N, C-alpha and C. Protein backbone atom coordinates (compact mmCIF):
# COMPACT_ATOMS: atom_id res chain seq x y z
N MET A 1 -14.80 19.56 5.02
CA MET A 1 -14.48 18.48 4.11
C MET A 1 -13.02 18.06 4.32
N THR A 2 -12.78 16.77 4.43
CA THR A 2 -11.42 16.29 4.66
C THR A 2 -10.82 15.78 3.36
N GLU A 3 -9.52 16.00 3.23
CA GLU A 3 -8.81 15.49 2.08
C GLU A 3 -8.36 14.07 2.37
N GLU A 4 -8.42 13.23 1.36
CA GLU A 4 -7.95 11.87 1.52
C GLU A 4 -6.44 11.87 1.43
N LYS A 5 -5.79 11.23 2.40
CA LYS A 5 -4.34 11.17 2.44
C LYS A 5 -3.84 10.17 1.41
N PRO A 6 -2.68 10.44 0.81
CA PRO A 6 -2.11 9.45 -0.11
C PRO A 6 -1.63 8.23 0.67
N PRO A 7 -1.52 7.10 0.02
CA PRO A 7 -1.02 5.90 0.70
C PRO A 7 0.37 6.14 1.25
N TRP A 8 0.71 5.42 2.31
CA TRP A 8 2.04 5.55 2.90
C TRP A 8 2.54 4.20 3.35
N VAL A 9 3.77 4.14 3.78
CA VAL A 9 4.44 2.90 4.17
C VAL A 9 3.59 2.15 5.20
N GLY A 10 3.36 0.87 4.92
CA GLY A 10 2.58 0.02 5.81
C GLY A 10 1.13 -0.12 5.39
N ASP A 11 0.65 0.77 4.51
CA ASP A 11 -0.73 0.66 4.04
C ASP A 11 -0.87 -0.47 3.03
N GLN A 12 -1.96 -1.18 3.13
CA GLN A 12 -2.32 -2.19 2.14
C GLN A 12 -3.13 -1.46 1.07
N VAL A 13 -2.74 -1.62 -0.20
CA VAL A 13 -3.37 -0.86 -1.27
C VAL A 13 -3.75 -1.77 -2.44
N TYR A 14 -4.69 -1.27 -3.24
CA TYR A 14 -5.00 -1.91 -4.52
C TYR A 14 -4.41 -1.01 -5.59
N ASP A 15 -3.57 -1.58 -6.44
CA ASP A 15 -2.93 -0.86 -7.54
C ASP A 15 -3.76 -1.11 -8.79
N ALA A 16 -4.50 -0.09 -9.22
CA ALA A 16 -5.40 -0.23 -10.38
C ALA A 16 -4.63 -0.52 -11.67
N LYS A 17 -3.45 0.04 -11.80
CA LYS A 17 -2.66 -0.19 -13.01
C LYS A 17 -2.14 -1.62 -13.08
N ALA A 18 -1.64 -2.14 -11.96
CA ALA A 18 -1.12 -3.51 -11.92
C ALA A 18 -2.23 -4.54 -11.77
N GLY A 19 -3.39 -4.10 -11.26
CA GLY A 19 -4.51 -5.01 -11.07
C GLY A 19 -4.31 -5.98 -9.92
N LYS A 20 -3.58 -5.54 -8.90
CA LYS A 20 -3.37 -6.43 -7.75
C LYS A 20 -3.18 -5.62 -6.48
N GLU A 21 -3.24 -6.33 -5.37
CA GLU A 21 -3.14 -5.72 -4.05
C GLU A 21 -1.75 -5.97 -3.48
N GLY A 22 -1.26 -5.00 -2.71
CA GLY A 22 0.04 -5.15 -2.09
C GLY A 22 0.18 -4.22 -0.90
N VAL A 23 1.37 -4.20 -0.33
CA VAL A 23 1.66 -3.36 0.82
C VAL A 23 2.77 -2.39 0.41
N VAL A 24 2.60 -1.11 0.75
CA VAL A 24 3.62 -0.10 0.47
C VAL A 24 4.78 -0.34 1.43
N THR A 25 5.97 -0.60 0.88
CA THR A 25 7.14 -0.84 1.73
C THR A 25 8.08 0.36 1.79
N ASP A 26 7.98 1.25 0.80
CA ASP A 26 8.85 2.43 0.79
C ASP A 26 8.30 3.43 -0.22
N VAL A 27 8.69 4.69 -0.05
CA VAL A 27 8.37 5.74 -1.01
C VAL A 27 9.65 6.52 -1.23
N LYS A 28 10.13 6.54 -2.48
CA LYS A 28 11.37 7.23 -2.82
C LYS A 28 11.14 8.13 -4.02
N ASN A 29 11.35 9.43 -3.84
CA ASN A 29 11.19 10.40 -4.92
C ASN A 29 9.84 10.27 -5.63
N GLY A 30 8.79 10.07 -4.85
CA GLY A 30 7.45 9.96 -5.42
C GLY A 30 7.11 8.61 -6.00
N MET A 31 8.03 7.66 -5.95
CA MET A 31 7.80 6.31 -6.47
C MET A 31 7.46 5.39 -5.30
N TYR A 32 6.33 4.72 -5.41
CA TYR A 32 5.88 3.80 -4.37
C TYR A 32 6.43 2.41 -4.66
N ILE A 33 7.06 1.80 -3.66
CA ILE A 33 7.55 0.43 -3.78
C ILE A 33 6.58 -0.46 -3.03
N LEU A 34 6.04 -1.44 -3.74
CA LEU A 34 5.01 -2.32 -3.19
C LEU A 34 5.50 -3.76 -3.21
N ARG A 35 4.99 -4.54 -2.27
CA ARG A 35 5.28 -5.98 -2.27
C ARG A 35 3.95 -6.72 -2.25
N GLU A 36 3.97 -7.90 -2.83
CA GLU A 36 2.75 -8.72 -2.82
C GLU A 36 2.42 -9.11 -1.40
N MET A 37 1.16 -9.38 -1.17
CA MET A 37 0.66 -9.66 0.18
C MET A 37 1.34 -10.86 0.85
N TYR A 38 1.61 -11.89 0.09
CA TYR A 38 2.07 -13.13 0.73
C TYR A 38 3.47 -13.54 0.30
N SER A 39 4.23 -12.59 -0.25
CA SER A 39 5.59 -12.91 -0.68
C SER A 39 6.44 -11.65 -0.63
N TRP A 40 7.43 -11.63 0.24
CA TRP A 40 8.31 -10.47 0.33
C TRP A 40 9.19 -10.36 -0.91
N ALA A 41 9.37 -11.45 -1.64
CA ALA A 41 10.27 -11.46 -2.78
C ALA A 41 9.68 -10.76 -4.01
N LEU A 42 8.37 -10.74 -4.14
CA LEU A 42 7.74 -10.17 -5.33
C LEU A 42 7.36 -8.72 -5.08
N THR A 43 8.05 -7.80 -5.77
CA THR A 43 7.80 -6.38 -5.59
C THR A 43 7.56 -5.71 -6.94
N TRP A 44 6.97 -4.52 -6.90
CA TRP A 44 6.82 -3.68 -8.09
C TRP A 44 6.73 -2.24 -7.65
N THR A 45 6.77 -1.33 -8.60
CA THR A 45 6.71 0.09 -8.28
C THR A 45 5.47 0.72 -8.92
N ALA A 46 5.04 1.80 -8.31
CA ALA A 46 3.91 2.58 -8.83
C ALA A 46 4.28 4.06 -8.70
N SER A 47 4.08 4.81 -9.77
CA SER A 47 4.47 6.21 -9.74
C SER A 47 3.29 7.16 -9.54
N ASP A 48 2.07 6.65 -9.63
CA ASP A 48 0.89 7.50 -9.53
C ASP A 48 0.04 7.12 -8.32
N ALA A 49 0.10 7.94 -7.28
CA ALA A 49 -0.65 7.67 -6.04
C ALA A 49 -2.15 7.64 -6.28
N GLU A 50 -2.62 8.32 -7.31
CA GLU A 50 -4.05 8.35 -7.61
C GLU A 50 -4.58 6.99 -8.07
N LEU A 51 -3.69 6.13 -8.52
CA LEU A 51 -4.10 4.78 -8.94
C LEU A 51 -3.99 3.77 -7.80
N LEU A 52 -3.57 4.23 -6.63
CA LEU A 52 -3.46 3.36 -5.45
C LEU A 52 -4.61 3.69 -4.49
N SER A 53 -5.39 2.68 -4.15
CA SER A 53 -6.48 2.84 -3.20
C SER A 53 -6.15 2.09 -1.93
N VAL A 54 -6.18 2.78 -0.80
CA VAL A 54 -5.90 2.11 0.48
C VAL A 54 -7.06 1.19 0.81
N THR A 55 -6.76 -0.10 0.98
CA THR A 55 -7.79 -1.08 1.34
C THR A 55 -7.77 -1.35 2.84
N VAL A 56 -6.57 -1.32 3.44
CA VAL A 56 -6.43 -1.47 4.88
C VAL A 56 -5.27 -0.57 5.31
N SER A 57 -5.54 0.35 6.21
CA SER A 57 -4.48 1.26 6.66
C SER A 57 -3.46 0.50 7.51
N ARG A 58 -2.28 1.09 7.64
CA ARG A 58 -1.23 0.49 8.48
C ARG A 58 -1.75 0.29 9.90
N LYS A 59 -2.43 1.30 10.42
CA LYS A 59 -2.95 1.24 11.79
C LYS A 59 -3.91 0.05 11.95
N GLU A 60 -4.80 -0.14 10.98
CA GLU A 60 -5.76 -1.24 11.04
C GLU A 60 -5.06 -2.59 10.88
N ARG A 61 -4.04 -2.67 10.02
CA ARG A 61 -3.29 -3.92 9.84
C ARG A 61 -2.62 -4.33 11.14
N ILE A 62 -2.02 -3.36 11.85
CA ILE A 62 -1.36 -3.66 13.13
C ILE A 62 -2.39 -4.14 14.15
N LYS A 63 -3.52 -3.46 14.20
CA LYS A 63 -4.59 -3.85 15.13
C LYS A 63 -5.03 -5.29 14.87
N ARG A 64 -5.23 -5.64 13.60
CA ARG A 64 -5.67 -7.00 13.25
C ARG A 64 -4.62 -8.04 13.64
N GLU A 65 -3.33 -7.71 13.42
CA GLU A 65 -2.27 -8.65 13.77
C GLU A 65 -2.22 -8.91 15.26
N ARG A 66 -2.46 -7.88 16.05
CA ARG A 66 -2.44 -8.03 17.51
C ARG A 66 -3.60 -8.84 18.03
N GLU A 67 -4.72 -8.83 17.31
CA GLU A 67 -5.91 -9.56 17.73
C GLU A 67 -5.79 -11.06 17.45
N THR A 68 -4.88 -11.45 16.56
CA THR A 68 -4.77 -12.89 16.25
C THR A 68 -3.78 -13.58 17.12
């Protein structure tokens, strides 16, 4: 049985508490810094990784960008 890894920098996640999707831009002292998908200016923080669900991994996001 494999353990699910917590979200990390570059992962696209759904934040259940905020009710929106974003990209993890940094993790500092257990606090996740997220930015909205289409605006670098709009950011928020999340302190509970259990409320963040990875929707697209960093690896998959890079692959998709290269294909376009």
